[in-house]
Amino acid sequence: MFLHLGKDVIIPKKDIVAILDIRSQSSAITREFLDMARDEGFIVNVSDPGKEKTYVITGNEIYLSPISCTTLKKRSL
């Protein structure tokens, strides 16, 4: 099965490691992880600037989605 993240981006559900709310970046560890991923080019933004609500972490990339964490989790079941 697949999960639609926004715009025209669809990923296999089996590749998802975590679905995190954007507010979780307030943690120092999470912020450091995301900064390193951004520096290395692993972050793919599939939303308009300022509209990001969720981080979806896969084995290869981290997606910024405009769809809420709760909605993505419900869709993934």
N, C-alpha and C. Protein backbone atom coordinates (compact mmCIF):
# COMPACT_ATOMS: atom_id res chain seq x y z
N MET A 1 0.84 -1.18 0.00
CA MET A 1 0.00 0.00 0.00
C MET A 1 0.89 1.25 0.00
N PHE A 2 0.26 2.36 -0.32
CA PHE A 2 0.98 3.62 -0.44
C PHE A 2 0.33 4.68 0.43
N LEU A 3 1.10 5.73 0.73
CA LEU A 3 0.61 6.84 1.53
C LEU A 3 0.85 8.14 0.77
N HIS A 4 -0.23 8.91 0.58
CA HIS A 4 -0.14 10.20 -0.12
C HIS A 4 0.28 11.26 0.90
N LEU A 5 1.39 11.97 0.61
CA LEU A 5 1.94 12.96 1.54
C LEU A 5 1.57 14.40 1.19
N GLY A 6 1.00 14.61 0.02
CA GLY A 6 0.67 15.96 -0.41
C GLY A 6 1.22 16.18 -1.80
N LYS A 7 0.61 17.14 -2.50
CA LYS A 7 0.94 17.40 -3.91
C LYS A 7 0.89 16.08 -4.66
N ASP A 8 1.93 15.73 -5.38
CA ASP A 8 1.93 14.48 -6.15
C ASP A 8 2.90 13.45 -5.57
N VAL A 9 3.13 13.50 -4.27
CA VAL A 9 4.10 12.60 -3.65
C VAL A 9 3.39 11.46 -2.94
N ILE A 10 3.74 10.25 -3.36
CA ILE A 10 3.19 9.03 -2.76
C ILE A 10 4.37 8.12 -2.45
N ILE A 11 4.38 7.56 -1.23
CA ILE A 11 5.47 6.67 -0.84
C ILE A 11 4.89 5.33 -0.37
N PRO A 12 5.67 4.26 -0.50
CA PRO A 12 5.21 2.97 0.03
C PRO A 12 5.15 3.01 1.56
N LYS A 13 4.07 2.49 2.12
CA LYS A 13 3.93 2.50 3.58
C LYS A 13 5.00 1.66 4.26
N LYS A 14 5.51 0.65 3.59
CA LYS A 14 6.53 -0.22 4.19
C LYS A 14 7.85 0.52 4.41
N ASP A 15 8.06 1.66 3.72
CA ASP A 15 9.29 2.43 3.86
C ASP A 15 9.26 3.42 5.02
N ILE A 16 8.09 3.64 5.61
CA ILE A 16 7.94 4.64 6.68
C ILE A 16 8.55 4.14 7.98
N VAL A 17 9.42 4.98 8.54
CA VAL A 17 10.03 4.68 9.83
C VAL A 17 9.27 5.40 10.94
N ALA A 18 8.92 6.68 10.69
CA ALA A 18 8.21 7.46 11.71
C ALA A 18 7.42 8.58 11.05
N ILE A 19 6.32 8.97 11.71
CA ILE A 19 5.54 10.14 11.32
C ILE A 19 5.52 11.05 12.54
N LEU A 20 6.15 12.23 12.41
CA LEU A 20 6.32 13.13 13.54
C LEU A 20 5.66 14.48 13.29
N ASP A 21 5.07 15.04 14.32
CA ASP A 21 4.51 16.38 14.24
C ASP A 21 5.64 17.39 14.11
N ILE A 22 5.43 18.45 13.37
CA ILE A 22 6.46 19.47 13.15
C ILE A 22 6.91 20.11 14.46
N ARG A 23 6.04 20.12 15.45
CA ARG A 23 6.39 20.72 16.74
C ARG A 23 7.41 19.90 17.51
N SER A 24 7.64 18.66 17.10
CA SER A 24 8.62 17.82 17.79
C SER A 24 10.05 18.31 17.57
N GLN A 25 10.25 19.23 16.63
CA GLN A 25 11.59 19.73 16.39
C GLN A 25 12.08 20.64 17.51
N SER A 26 11.24 20.91 18.49
CA SER A 26 11.68 21.72 19.62
C SER A 26 12.65 20.95 20.52
N SER A 27 12.68 19.63 20.40
CA SER A 27 13.64 18.82 21.14
C SER A 27 15.02 19.02 20.54
N ALA A 28 16.03 19.16 21.37
CA ALA A 28 17.39 19.41 20.90
C ALA A 28 17.91 18.26 20.03
N ILE A 29 17.63 17.04 20.42
CA ILE A 29 18.10 15.87 19.66
C ILE A 29 17.43 15.84 18.29
N THR A 30 16.11 16.05 18.26
CA THR A 30 15.39 16.04 16.99
C THR A 30 15.86 17.16 16.09
N ARG A 31 16.05 18.34 16.64
CA ARG A 31 16.52 19.49 15.87
C ARG A 31 17.90 19.22 15.26
N GLU A 32 18.78 18.62 16.04
CA GLU A 32 20.11 18.28 15.55
C GLU A 32 20.04 17.26 14.41
N PHE A 33 19.20 16.24 14.57
CA PHE A 33 19.02 15.23 13.54
C PHE A 33 18.50 15.86 12.25
N LEU A 34 17.50 16.73 12.36
CA LEU A 34 16.92 17.37 11.18
C LEU A 34 17.88 18.35 10.52
N ASP A 35 18.67 19.05 11.32
CA ASP A 35 19.68 19.96 10.76
C ASP A 35 20.73 19.18 9.96
N MET A 36 21.16 18.05 10.50
CA MET A 36 22.14 17.22 9.78
C MET A 36 21.53 16.67 8.49
N ALA A 37 20.28 16.25 8.55
CA ALA A 37 19.61 15.72 7.35
C ALA A 37 19.45 16.81 6.30
N ARG A 38 19.13 18.01 6.73
CA ARG A 38 18.98 19.14 5.80
C ARG A 38 20.33 19.46 5.15
N ASP A 39 21.39 19.48 5.94
CA ASP A 39 22.73 19.77 5.41
C ASP A 39 23.17 18.73 4.39
N GLU A 40 22.76 17.49 4.59
CA GLU A 40 23.17 16.41 3.70
C GLU A 40 22.20 16.19 2.54
N GLY A 41 21.12 16.98 2.48
CA GLY A 41 20.19 16.92 1.37
C GLY A 41 19.17 15.81 1.41
N PHE A 42 18.84 15.32 2.60
CA PHE A 42 17.87 14.24 2.73
C PHE A 42 16.44 14.70 2.90
N ILE A 43 16.22 16.00 3.07
CA ILE A 43 14.88 16.51 3.32
C ILE A 43 14.22 16.93 2.01
N VAL A 44 12.99 16.43 1.80
CA VAL A 44 12.20 16.76 0.63
C VAL A 44 10.95 17.49 1.12
N ASN A 45 10.78 18.73 0.70
CA ASN A 45 9.62 19.51 1.12
C ASN A 45 8.52 19.38 0.07
N VAL A 46 7.40 18.75 0.44
CA VAL A 46 6.29 18.57 -0.50
C VAL A 46 5.13 19.51 -0.17
N SER A 47 5.42 20.56 0.60
CA SER A 47 4.39 21.53 0.95
C SER A 47 4.88 22.93 0.60
N ASP A 48 3.96 23.87 0.65
CA ASP A 48 4.33 25.26 0.43
C ASP A 48 5.11 25.76 1.63
N PRO A 49 6.03 26.71 1.44
CA PRO A 49 6.81 27.24 2.57
C PRO A 49 5.89 27.78 3.67
N GLY A 50 6.17 27.36 4.91
CA GLY A 50 5.39 27.79 6.06
C GLY A 50 4.15 26.95 6.33
N LYS A 51 3.83 26.01 5.47
CA LYS A 51 2.64 25.17 5.63
C LYS A 51 2.96 23.77 6.13
N GLU A 52 4.22 23.51 6.46
CA GLU A 52 4.63 22.18 6.91
C GLU A 52 3.98 21.83 8.25
N LYS A 53 3.44 20.62 8.34
CA LYS A 53 2.82 20.17 9.59
C LYS A 53 3.44 18.88 10.13
N THR A 54 4.05 18.09 9.24
CA THR A 54 4.51 16.77 9.63
C THR A 54 5.82 16.40 8.96
N TYR A 55 6.67 15.68 9.69
CA TYR A 55 7.86 15.05 9.14
C TYR A 55 7.54 13.57 8.95
N VAL A 56 7.81 13.04 7.78
CA VAL A 56 7.66 11.61 7.54
C VAL A 56 9.06 11.09 7.25
N ILE A 57 9.56 10.25 8.13
CA ILE A 57 10.92 9.72 8.00
C ILE A 57 10.84 8.35 7.35
N THR A 58 11.61 8.19 6.26
CA THR A 58 11.72 6.89 5.59
C THR A 58 13.18 6.45 5.68
N GLY A 59 13.48 5.32 5.12
CA GLY A 59 14.85 4.82 5.15
C GLY A 59 15.81 5.67 4.34
N ASN A 60 15.30 6.40 3.34
CA ASN A 60 16.17 7.16 2.45
C ASN A 60 16.04 8.67 2.57
N GLU A 61 14.85 9.17 2.92
CA GLU A 61 14.59 10.60 2.93
C GLU A 61 13.67 10.98 4.07
N ILE A 62 13.60 12.29 4.30
CA ILE A 62 12.65 12.85 5.26
C ILE A 62 11.76 13.81 4.48
N TYR A 63 10.47 13.60 4.54
CA TYR A 63 9.51 14.42 3.81
C TYR A 63 8.82 15.39 4.75
N LEU A 64 8.67 16.63 4.31
CA LEU A 64 7.88 17.63 5.04
C LEU A 64 6.52 17.69 4.36
N SER A 65 5.48 17.35 5.08
CA SER A 65 4.14 17.26 4.51
C SER A 65 3.21 18.33 5.08
N PRO A 66 2.29 18.84 4.25
CA PRO A 66 1.31 19.81 4.73
C PRO A 66 0.11 19.14 5.41
N ILE A 67 0.10 17.82 5.43
CA ILE A 67 -1.01 17.07 6.02
C ILE A 67 -0.68 16.76 7.47
N SER A 68 -1.66 16.89 8.35
CA SER A 68 -1.40 16.72 9.78
C SER A 68 -0.95 15.31 10.10
N CYS A 69 -0.24 15.21 11.19
CA CYS A 69 0.30 13.94 11.68
C CYS A 69 -0.83 12.94 11.93
N THR A 70 -1.91 13.39 12.53
CA THR A 70 -3.04 12.53 12.85
C THR A 70 -3.67 11.96 11.58
N THR A 71 -3.86 12.81 10.59
CA THR A 71 -4.46 12.37 9.33
C THR A 71 -3.57 11.35 8.63
N LEU A 72 -2.27 11.60 8.58
CA LEU A 72 -1.36 10.64 7.94
C LEU A 72 -1.36 9.30 8.67
N LYS A 73 -1.39 9.34 9.99
CA LYS A 73 -1.41 8.09 10.75
C LYS A 73 -2.70 7.30 10.47
N LYS A 74 -3.84 8.00 10.38
CA LYS A 74 -5.10 7.32 10.07
C LYS A 74 -5.06 6.72 8.67
N ARG A 75 -4.48 7.46 7.72
CA ARG A 75 -4.39 6.96 6.34
C ARG A 75 -3.47 5.75 6.24
N SER A 76 -2.49 5.66 7.13
CA SER A 76 -1.51 4.58 7.04
C SER A 76 -2.04 3.26 7.60
N LEU A 77 -3.15 3.27 8.30
CA LEU A 77 -3.68 2.04 8.88
C LEU A 77 -4.40 1.19 7.86
